[in-house]
Structures are given as C-alpha cells and as structure tokens.
Amino acid sequence: MRVAVAGGTGVVGRHVVDLVRAAGDEPVVLARSVGVDLASGAGLREALEGVDAVVDVANVTTVNRRRSVAYFEAATTNLLSAGESAGVRHLLVLSIVGCDRVPLGYYAGKRRQEELVRGGAVPFGILRATQFHEFARQLLDRSGPLVVVPRWQAQTVAAREVAAALVEAVRDEPAGMLPELAGPKRRQMADLVRAVARTRGPQRPVISIPLPGKTGRAMAGGALIPSSDGPRGTQTFEQWLASPDG
C-alpha cells in the first residue's frame, strides 16, 4: 500500500513515515521540501498518483483565526480534490481534542478542516489527539528569558504514539470520527515546561497565567482533555523526556 503523509517532515509526520515503512508499506512525503505545496496545490496531483491512502498531519504555526482558517481550508480543499481524482480510498486527518470547545483562533482552522473532510467525497477518518509531550519543549523554545505559559490542564501524549495510532487506523477501513487519544496523566502545562527547562536548559523562570475570557477559562478548566473514555498513550512525560525524542 502506498500511503502519502501530508506534513511528513514534521513532529508527528516523520514518525508516521518511519512507521508506515516499518509496516511494509511505501510512504510518500507531501511537503514543500519535496516540491509539494498543500496550500497552493502545486505538485499535489502528481504526488498522489497511485496512492491508496493519505495521512494528513500538516500544520501551520499561527494563533490568528483568519490565517488558520485560510490555510486549512486551502490545504484540505486541495487534498480532497486531488485525492478524489487519484482514487484515494482513505483520508485520515489528525485533529485536536477540544478544538470545538475552546475559541482559540488556531482551532477555528481545525474545525474548518474537519467540516470539509466530513463533507468531502473521499472516505475519511478523523483522530483527535491531545497536545504532544513535544509541545512543552516548543513552548520553551519560542520564549525569551521569562517563559509565560497559559494556565492549562493538559494530558499530553508522545508524538510517536499518535503516529502509531494513525498508521494503525489508516490500514483499516475509513471510520469517520475515531475515539479521542490522550496521554496517560493529567498535568499542568507549566509544570511540563519547567521540567524541560530543568532537564534541557537553559534554566529560565516559568510562570503560569490565565488567558482572558472564554479561551482562558476553557483551557484552565480542562476543555482540552477528553470528556469520555478512549485510547490512552503509555509513555509518560518523564519517560519521554529521558528518551532520544525528548
């Protein structure tokens, strides 16, 4: 089976590519670095020739609602059109637990992505996962001498475990909305960032503050944690931090 991986060079995508190959299938990377631009559609139809399934883990770094919606609308529309033309039998999209409960600008784009996939002609699956363990390191890397983290109940999961769930699901029949995936333990995001700072350095003060309005109340109240039972990753944050991925 040929499996295209949109965003195949990213945090989750590189694991998906490796695990598709380990399963005996052929991965096809869809990324600008290999001449495929999802947002414009350049190179996409050619790349999907002979592809059986697509795992979409592509992303855009923004908190701006307009930019997020514009990116996911364009990329998803192009994937659906090219996938239908190529006869793709399964489009599996990675989304975010709670994206429909938190009015963050970025999440508006993920909601639009889900809406388009559900209404498209390509058989689909959508896996919502919580933030990755890796996200704590990203927050630290993007900060200055003082690290400010929103007050945030999180249940992070290893990106490799998310990738494994995606590879397993894409080899099955399209199943629509899949059970939500989360990590093994609830934590405060600021505590995770502090742990990364202590372990990886340079050590910097990390403070946690509530975001204003509905967004802050939702994040602090656990809206980004699954509201029902479902699959859970097994690698704890501490185990991930001590691993090569950490």
C-alpha atoms as a PDB file:
ATOM      1  CA  MET A   1       0.000   0.000   0.000  1.00  0.00           C
ATOM      2  CA  ARG A   2       1.214   3.498  -0.811  1.00  0.00           C
ATOM      3  CA  VAL A   3       0.472   5.974   1.971  1.00  0.00           C
ATOM      4  CA  ALA A   4       1.000   9.687   1.424  1.00  0.00           C
ATOM      5  CA  VAL A   5       1.892  11.690   4.537  1.00  0.00           C
ATOM      6  CA  ALA A   6       0.949  15.366   4.364  1.00  0.00           C
ATOM      7  CA  GLY A   7       3.382  17.155   6.647  1.00  0.00           C
ATOM      8  CA  GLY A   8       5.682  14.138   6.564  1.00  0.00           C
ATOM      9  CA  THR A   9       8.714  16.101   7.785  1.00  0.00           C
ATOM     10  CA  GLY A  10       7.080  17.490  10.946  1.00  0.00           C
ATOM     11  CA  VAL A  11       6.935  16.402  14.587  1.00  0.00           C
ATOM     12  CA  VAL A  12       4.353  13.662  14.012  1.00  0.00           C
ATOM     13  CA  GLY A  13       4.847  13.245  10.284  1.00  0.00           C
ATOM     14  CA  ARG A  14       8.397  11.929  10.472  1.00  0.00           C
ATOM     15  CA  HIS A  15       7.221   9.209  12.876  1.00  0.00           C
ATOM     16  CA  VAL A  16       4.314   8.350  10.576  1.00  0.00           C
ATOM     17  CA  VAL A  17       6.714   7.973   7.639  1.00  0.00           C
ATOM     18  CA  ASP A  18       9.008   5.705   9.651  1.00  0.00           C
ATOM     19  CA  LEU A  19       6.147   3.544  10.933  1.00  0.00           C
ATOM     20  CA  VAL A  20       4.495   3.238   7.510  1.00  0.00           C
ATOM     21  CA  ARG A  21       7.802   1.960   6.165  1.00  0.00           C
ATOM     22  CA  ALA A  22       8.266  -0.385   9.138  1.00  0.00           C
ATOM     23  CA  ALA A  23       4.810  -1.844   8.447  1.00  0.00           C
ATOM     24  CA  GLY A  24       5.962  -2.827   4.959  1.00  0.00           C
ATOM     25  CA  ASP A  25       4.112  -0.068   3.118  1.00  0.00           C
ATOM     26  CA  GLU A  26       5.508   2.725   0.950  1.00  0.00           C
ATOM     27  CA  PRO A  27       5.387   6.263   2.382  1.00  0.00           C
ATOM     28  CA  VAL A  28       5.084   9.268   0.077  1.00  0.00           C
ATOM     29  CA  VAL A  29       6.040  12.554   1.741  1.00  0.00           C
ATOM     30  CA  LEU A  30       3.924  15.602   0.905  1.00  0.00           C
ATOM     31  CA  ALA A  31       5.846  18.709   1.947  1.00  0.00           C
ATOM     32  CA  ARG A  32       7.266  21.878   0.401  1.00  0.00           C
ATOM     33  CA  SER A  33      10.780  20.484   0.829  1.00  0.00           C
ATOM     34  CA  VAL A  34       9.978  17.799  -1.761  1.00  0.00           C
ATOM     35  CA  GLY A  35       8.089  20.100  -4.130  1.00  0.00           C
ATOM     36  CA  VAL A  36       4.523  19.672  -2.850  1.00  0.00           C
ATOM     37  CA  ASP A  37       2.678  22.731  -1.545  1.00  0.00           C
ATOM     38  CA  LEU A  38      -0.639  21.818   0.048  1.00  0.00           C
ATOM     39  CA  ALA A  39      -1.870  25.394   0.333  1.00  0.00           C
ATOM     40  CA  SER A  40      -1.393  26.152  -3.368  1.00  0.00           C
ATOM     41  CA  GLY A  41      -1.824  22.588  -4.611  1.00  0.00           C
ATOM     42  CA  ALA A  42       1.465  22.697  -6.528  1.00  0.00           C
ATOM     43  CA  GLY A  43       2.788  19.188  -7.174  1.00  0.00           C
ATOM     44  CA  LEU A  44      -0.039  17.529  -5.250  1.00  0.00           C
ATOM     45  CA  ARG A  45      -1.873  15.706  -8.020  1.00  0.00           C
ATOM     46  CA  GLU A  46       1.336  14.201  -9.343  1.00  0.00           C
ATOM     47  CA  ALA A  47       2.410  13.106  -5.861  1.00  0.00           C
ATOM     48  CA  LEU A  48      -0.899  11.307  -5.225  1.00  0.00           C
ATOM     49  CA  GLU A  49      -0.767   9.169  -8.349  1.00  0.00           C
ATOM     50  CA  GLY A  50      -1.033   5.536  -7.272  1.00  0.00           C
ATOM     51  CA  VAL A  51      -1.567   6.455  -3.604  1.00  0.00           C
ATOM     52  CA  ASP A  52      -4.074   4.345  -1.676  1.00  0.00           C
ATOM     53  CA  ALA A  53      -4.401   6.429   1.499  1.00  0.00           C
ATOM     54  CA  VAL A  54      -3.398   9.810   2.911  1.00  0.00           C
ATOM     55  CA  VAL A  55      -2.498  10.700   6.489  1.00  0.00           C
ATOM     56  CA  ASP A  56      -2.788  14.456   6.957  1.00  0.00           C
ATOM     57  CA  VAL A  57      -0.684  15.810   9.828  1.00  0.00           C
ATOM     58  CA  ALA A  58       0.261  19.068   8.097  1.00  0.00           C
ATOM     59  CA  ASN A  59       0.160  22.182  10.221  1.00  0.00           C
ATOM     60  CA  VAL A  60       0.532  25.956  10.266  1.00  0.00           C
ATOM     61  CA  THR A  61       2.050  27.939  13.135  1.00  0.00           C
ATOM     62  CA  THR A  62      -0.343  30.766  13.951  1.00  0.00           C
ATOM     63  CA  VAL A  63      -2.865  31.820  16.577  1.00  0.00           C
ATOM     64  CA  ASN A  64      -4.596  34.116  14.092  1.00  0.00           C
ATOM     65  CA  ARG A  65      -8.070  32.876  13.210  1.00  0.00           C
ATOM     66  CA  ARG A  66      -8.076  34.212   9.647  1.00  0.00           C
ATOM     67  CA  ARG A  67      -4.692  32.720   8.790  1.00  0.00           C
ATOM     68  CA  SER A  68      -5.518  29.370  10.333  1.00  0.00           C
ATOM     69  CA  VAL A  69      -8.855  29.055   8.553  1.00  0.00           C
ATOM     70  CA  ALA A  70      -7.322  30.183   5.250  1.00  0.00           C
ATOM     71  CA  TYR A  71      -4.531  27.614   5.460  1.00  0.00           C
ATOM     72  CA  PHE A  72      -6.605  24.602   6.486  1.00  0.00           C
ATOM     73  CA  GLU A  73      -9.383  25.486   4.053  1.00  0.00           C
ATOM     74  CA  ALA A  74      -6.969  25.707   1.127  1.00  0.00           C
ATOM     75  CA  ALA A  75      -4.875  22.674   2.073  1.00  0.00           C
ATOM     76  CA  THR A  76      -7.861  20.446   2.807  1.00  0.00           C
ATOM     77  CA  THR A  77      -9.753  21.501  -0.306  1.00  0.00           C
ATOM     78  CA  ASN A  78      -6.693  20.710  -2.424  1.00  0.00           C
ATOM     79  CA  LEU A  79      -6.159  17.345  -0.723  1.00  0.00           C
ATOM     80  CA  LEU A  80      -9.788  16.364  -1.226  1.00  0.00           C
ATOM     81  CA  SER A  81      -9.805  17.384  -4.877  1.00  0.00           C
ATOM     82  CA  ALA A  82      -6.514  15.702  -5.722  1.00  0.00           C
ATOM     83  CA  GLY A  83      -7.388  12.660  -3.620  1.00  0.00           C
ATOM     84  CA  GLU A  84     -10.711  12.167  -5.362  1.00  0.00           C
ATOM     85  CA  SER A  85      -9.035  12.447  -8.774  1.00  0.00           C
ATOM     86  CA  ALA A  86      -6.361   9.934  -7.759  1.00  0.00           C
ATOM     87  CA  GLY A  87      -8.872   7.450  -6.349  1.00  0.00           C
ATOM     88  CA  VAL A  88      -7.587   7.704  -2.773  1.00  0.00           C
ATOM     89  CA  ARG A  89      -9.602   5.306  -0.629  1.00  0.00           C
ATOM     90  CA  HIS A  90      -8.902   6.764   2.817  1.00  0.00           C
ATOM     91  CA  LEU A  91      -8.085  10.266   4.045  1.00  0.00           C
ATOM     92  CA  LEU A  92      -7.113  10.217   7.716  1.00  0.00           C
ATOM     93  CA  VAL A  93      -6.766  13.596   9.419  1.00  0.00           C
ATOM     94  CA  LEU A  94      -5.148  14.421  12.747  1.00  0.00           C
ATOM     95  CA  SER A  95      -7.151  16.964  14.738  1.00  0.00           C
ATOM     96  CA  ILE A  96      -7.188  18.225  18.336  1.00  0.00           C
ATOM     97  CA  VAL A  97      -9.178  17.171  21.387  1.00  0.00           C
ATOM     98  CA  GLY A  98     -11.363  20.075  22.461  1.00  0.00           C
ATOM     99  CA  CYS A  99     -10.925  22.184  19.344  1.00  0.00           C
ATOM    100  CA  ASP A 100     -14.706  22.612  19.338  1.00  0.00           C
ATOM    101  CA  ARG A 101     -14.765  23.730  22.988  1.00  0.00           C
ATOM    102  CA  VAL A 102     -12.017  26.377  23.046  1.00  0.00           C
ATOM    103  CA  PRO A 103     -12.478  29.589  20.992  1.00  0.00           C
ATOM    104  CA  LEU A 104      -8.786  29.926  20.110  1.00  0.00           C
ATOM    105  CA  GLY A 105      -8.124  31.347  16.644  1.00  0.00           C
ATOM    106  CA  TYR A 106      -5.973  28.414  15.545  1.00  0.00           C
ATOM    107  CA  TYR A 107      -8.688  25.932  16.450  1.00  0.00           C
ATOM    108  CA  ALA A 108     -11.112  27.623  14.086  1.00  0.00           C
ATOM    109  CA  GLY A 109      -8.927  26.342  11.269  1.00  0.00           C
ATOM    110  CA  LYS A 110      -9.015  22.789  12.632  1.00  0.00           C
ATOM    111  CA  ARG A 111     -12.805  22.943  12.887  1.00  0.00           C
ATOM    112  CA  ARG A 112     -12.991  24.085   9.283  1.00  0.00           C
ATOM    113  CA  GLN A 113     -10.671  21.247   8.266  1.00  0.00           C
ATOM    114  CA  GLU A 114     -12.919  18.696   9.966  1.00  0.00           C
ATOM    115  CA  GLU A 115     -16.020  20.214   8.350  1.00  0.00           C
ATOM    116  CA  LEU A 116     -14.524  19.973   4.870  1.00  0.00           C
ATOM    117  CA  VAL A 117     -13.331  16.400   5.352  1.00  0.00           C
ATOM    118  CA  ARG A 118     -16.726  15.262   6.641  1.00  0.00           C
ATOM    119  CA  GLY A 119     -18.415  16.848   3.622  1.00  0.00           C
ATOM    120  CA  GLY A 120     -15.895  15.667   1.035  1.00  0.00           C
ATOM    121  CA  ALA A 121     -16.097  12.820  -1.463  1.00  0.00           C
ATOM    122  CA  VAL A 122     -13.081  10.886  -0.115  1.00  0.00           C
ATOM    123  CA  PRO A 123     -13.826   8.291   2.603  1.00  0.00           C
ATOM    124  CA  PHE A 124     -12.347   9.692   5.803  1.00  0.00           C
ATOM    125  CA  GLY A 125     -11.271   9.233   9.375  1.00  0.00           C
ATOM    126  CA  ILE A 126     -10.564  11.956  11.944  1.00  0.00           C
ATOM    127  CA  LEU A 127      -8.407  11.265  15.001  1.00  0.00           C
ATOM    128  CA  ARG A 128      -8.437  13.947  17.661  1.00  0.00           C
ATOM    129  CA  ALA A 129      -5.424  13.832  19.977  1.00  0.00           C
ATOM    130  CA  THR A 130      -4.286  15.979  22.876  1.00  0.00           C
ATOM    131  CA  GLN A 131      -1.138  18.102  22.715  1.00  0.00           C
ATOM    132  CA  PHE A 132       2.096  16.174  22.358  1.00  0.00           C
ATOM    133  CA  HIS A 133       4.766  15.870  25.030  1.00  0.00           C
ATOM    134  CA  GLU A 134       6.909  17.727  22.488  1.00  0.00           C
ATOM    135  CA  PHE A 135       4.694  20.791  22.790  1.00  0.00           C
ATOM    136  CA  ALA A 136       6.217  21.701  26.164  1.00  0.00           C
ATOM    137  CA  ARG A 137       9.630  21.937  24.533  1.00  0.00           C
ATOM    138  CA  GLN A 138       8.204  24.015  21.697  1.00  0.00           C
ATOM    139  CA  LEU A 139       6.716  26.481  24.193  1.00  0.00           C
ATOM    140  CA  LEU A 140      10.114  26.809  25.866  1.00  0.00           C
ATOM    141  CA  ASP A 141      11.958  27.235  22.560  1.00  0.00           C
ATOM    142  CA  ARG A 142       9.597  30.026  21.469  1.00  0.00           C
ATOM    143  CA  SER A 143      10.033  32.017  24.682  1.00  0.00           C
ATOM    144  CA  GLY A 144      12.508  34.613  25.873  1.00  0.00           C
ATOM    145  CA  PRO A 145      14.279  34.973  29.224  1.00  0.00           C
ATOM    146  CA  LEU A 146      10.906  34.812  31.016  1.00  0.00           C
ATOM    147  CA  VAL A 147       8.685  31.903  29.959  1.00  0.00           C
ATOM    148  CA  VAL A 148       4.957  32.666  30.216  1.00  0.00           C
ATOM    149  CA  VAL A 149       2.632  29.672  29.884  1.00  0.00           C
ATOM    150  CA  PRO A 150      -1.177  29.803  29.895  1.00  0.00           C
ATOM    151  CA  ARG A 151      -2.924  28.157  32.851  1.00  0.00           C
ATOM    152  CA  TRP A 152      -3.770  24.924  31.156  1.00  0.00           C
ATOM    153  CA  GLN A 153      -4.892  21.460  32.204  1.00  0.00           C
ATOM    154  CA  ALA A 154      -3.233  19.080  29.761  1.00  0.00           C
ATOM    155  CA  GLN A 155      -2.978  15.354  29.171  1.00  0.00           C
ATOM    156  CA  THR A 156      -0.084  15.235  26.739  1.00  0.00           C
ATOM    157  CA  VAL A 157       0.815  12.219  24.634  1.00  0.00           C
ATOM    158  CA  ALA A 158       4.009  11.224  22.828  1.00  0.00           C
ATOM    159  CA  ALA A 159       4.038  12.174  19.137  1.00  0.00           C
ATOM    160  CA  ARG A 160       5.326   8.690  18.272  1.00  0.00           C
ATOM    161  CA  GLU A 161       2.279   7.110  19.943  1.00  0.00           C
ATOM    162  CA  VAL A 162      -0.019   9.414  17.976  1.00  0.00           C
ATOM    163  CA  ALA A 163       1.795   8.380  14.803  1.00  0.00           C
ATOM    164  CA  ALA A 164       1.377   4.707  15.685  1.00  0.00           C
ATOM    165  CA  ALA A 165      -2.367   5.191  16.175  1.00  0.00           C
ATOM    166  CA  LEU A 166      -2.617   6.943  12.804  1.00  0.00           C
ATOM    167  CA  VAL A 167      -0.708   4.208  10.972  1.00  0.00           C
ATOM    168  CA  GLU A 168      -2.903   1.534  12.543  1.00  0.00           C
ATOM    169  CA  ALA A 169      -6.093   3.429  11.662  1.00  0.00           C
ATOM    170  CA  VAL A 170      -5.133   4.200   8.068  1.00  0.00           C
ATOM    171  CA  ARG A 171      -4.650   0.490   7.368  1.00  0.00           C
ATOM    172  CA  ASP A 172      -8.266  -0.124   8.438  1.00  0.00           C
ATOM    173  CA  GLU A 173     -11.436   0.947   6.685  1.00  0.00           C
ATOM    174  CA  PRO A 174     -12.378   4.649   7.000  1.00  0.00           C
ATOM    175  CA  ALA A 175     -14.308   5.018  10.242  1.00  0.00           C
ATOM    176  CA  GLY A 176     -15.282   8.705  10.485  1.00  0.00           C
ATOM    177  CA  MET A 177     -14.711  10.183  13.930  1.00  0.00           C
ATOM    178  CA  LEU A 178     -12.381   7.934  15.907  1.00  0.00           C
ATOM    179  CA  PRO A 179     -12.162   7.735  19.721  1.00  0.00           C
ATOM    180  CA  GLU A 180     -10.081  10.576  21.132  1.00  0.00           C
ATOM    181  CA  LEU A 181      -6.455   9.838  22.015  1.00  0.00           C
ATOM    182  CA  ALA A 182      -4.712  11.291  25.076  1.00  0.00           C
ATOM    183  CA  GLY A 183      -1.688  10.653  27.234  1.00  0.00           C
ATOM    184  CA  PRO A 184      -1.615   8.671  30.475  1.00  0.00           C
ATOM    185  CA  LYS A 185      -1.732  11.507  33.024  1.00  0.00           C
ATOM    186  CA  ARG A 186      -3.238  14.947  33.584  1.00  0.00           C
ATOM    187  CA  ARG A 187      -0.751  17.710  34.325  1.00  0.00           C
ATOM    188  CA  GLN A 188      -0.436  21.481  34.307  1.00  0.00           C
ATOM    189  CA  MET A 189       1.303  22.581  31.117  1.00  0.00           C
ATOM    190  CA  ALA A 190       3.557  24.991  33.041  1.00  0.00           C
ATOM    191  CA  ASP A 191       4.905  22.085  35.118  1.00  0.00           C
ATOM    192  CA  LEU A 192       5.855  20.241  31.936  1.00  0.00           C
ATOM    193  CA  VAL A 193       7.652  23.297  30.567  1.00  0.00           C
ATOM    194  CA  ARG A 194       9.533  23.658  33.873  1.00  0.00           C
ATOM    195  CA  ALA A 195      10.623  20.028  33.636  1.00  0.00           C
ATOM    196  CA  VAL A 196      12.012  20.577  30.144  1.00  0.00           C
ATOM    197  CA  ALA A 197      13.834  23.719  31.282  1.00  0.00           C
ATOM    198  CA  ARG A 198      15.439  21.858  34.194  1.00  0.00           C
ATOM    199  CA  THR A 199      16.483  18.932  32.020  1.00  0.00           C
ATOM    200  CA  ARG A 200      17.458  20.572  28.754  1.00  0.00           C
ATOM    201  CA  GLY A 201      18.233  24.138  29.814  1.00  0.00           C
ATOM    202  CA  PRO A 202      18.975  26.896  29.801  1.00  0.00           C
ATOM    203  CA  GLN A 203      17.012  27.202  33.032  1.00  0.00           C
ATOM    204  CA  ARG A 204      14.598  30.124  32.943  1.00  0.00           C
ATOM    205  CA  PRO A 205      11.746  31.215  35.188  1.00  0.00           C
ATOM    206  CA  VAL A 206       8.405  29.785  34.065  1.00  0.00           C
ATOM    207  CA  ILE A 207       5.211  31.483  35.207  1.00  0.00           C
ATOM    208  CA  SER A 208       1.638  30.403  34.580  1.00  0.00           C
ATOM    209  CA  ILE A 209      -1.077  32.983  33.982  1.00  0.00           C
ATOM    210  CA  PRO A 210      -4.727  32.597  32.969  1.00  0.00           C
ATOM    211  CA  LEU A 211      -5.640  33.733  29.492  1.00  0.00           C
ATOM    212  CA  PRO A 212      -8.536  36.201  29.467  1.00  0.00           C
ATOM    213  CA  GLY A 213     -12.112  35.394  28.574  1.00  0.00           C
ATOM    214  CA  LYS A 214     -13.712  32.167  27.412  1.00  0.00           C
ATOM    215  CA  THR A 215     -10.467  30.780  25.996  1.00  0.00           C
ATOM    216  CA  GLY A 216      -8.625  31.059  29.293  1.00  0.00           C
ATOM    217  CA  ARG A 217     -11.493  29.619  31.318  1.00  0.00           C
ATOM    218  CA  ALA A 218     -11.851  26.691  28.936  1.00  0.00           C
ATOM    219  CA  MET A 219      -8.139  25.824  28.926  1.00  0.00           C
ATOM    220  CA  ALA A 220      -7.817  26.113  32.692  1.00  0.00           C
ATOM    221  CA  GLY A 221     -10.985  24.082  33.186  1.00  0.00           C
ATOM    222  CA  GLY A 222      -9.864  21.042  31.195  1.00  0.00           C
ATOM    223  CA  ALA A 223     -11.630  21.635  27.876  1.00  0.00           C
ATOM    224  CA  LEU A 224      -8.575  20.283  26.018  1.00  0.00           C
ATOM    225  CA  ILE A 225      -8.819  16.935  27.818  1.00  0.00           C
ATOM    226  CA  PRO A 226     -11.093  14.142  26.512  1.00  0.00           C
ATOM    227  CA  SER A 227     -14.575  14.166  28.021  1.00  0.00           C
ATOM    228  CA  SER A 228     -15.051  10.406  27.593  1.00  0.00           C
ATOM    229  CA  ASP A 229     -13.062   7.186  27.726  1.00  0.00           C
ATOM    230  CA  GLY A 230     -10.827   6.265  24.825  1.00  0.00           C
ATOM    231  CA  PRO A 231      -7.341   5.075  23.927  1.00  0.00           C
ATOM    232  CA  ARG A 232      -4.504   6.364  26.088  1.00  0.00           C
ATOM    233  CA  GLY A 233      -0.801   6.517  25.388  1.00  0.00           C
ATOM    234  CA  THR A 234       1.501   4.655  27.763  1.00  0.00           C
ATOM    235  CA  GLN A 235       4.693   6.727  27.658  1.00  0.00           C
ATOM    236  CA  THR A 236       4.685   9.247  30.495  1.00  0.00           C
ATOM    237  CA  PHE A 237       6.082  12.718  30.072  1.00  0.00           C
ATOM    238  CA  GLU A 238       9.056  11.817  32.267  1.00  0.00           C
ATOM    239  CA  GLN A 239       9.812   8.731  30.178  1.00  0.00           C
ATOM    240  CA  TRP A 240       9.586  10.787  27.003  1.00  0.00           C
ATOM    241  CA  LEU A 241      11.884  13.453  28.454  1.00  0.00           C
ATOM    242  CA  ALA A 242      14.507  10.797  29.220  1.00  0.00           C
ATOM    243  CA  SER A 243      14.213   9.275  25.715  1.00  0.00           C
ATOM    244  CA  PRO A 244      16.013  10.327  22.493  1.00  0.00           C
ATOM    245  CA  ASP A 245      12.799  12.081  21.391  1.00  0.00           C
ATOM    246  CA  GLY A 246      12.912  14.277  24.493  1.00  0.00           C
END
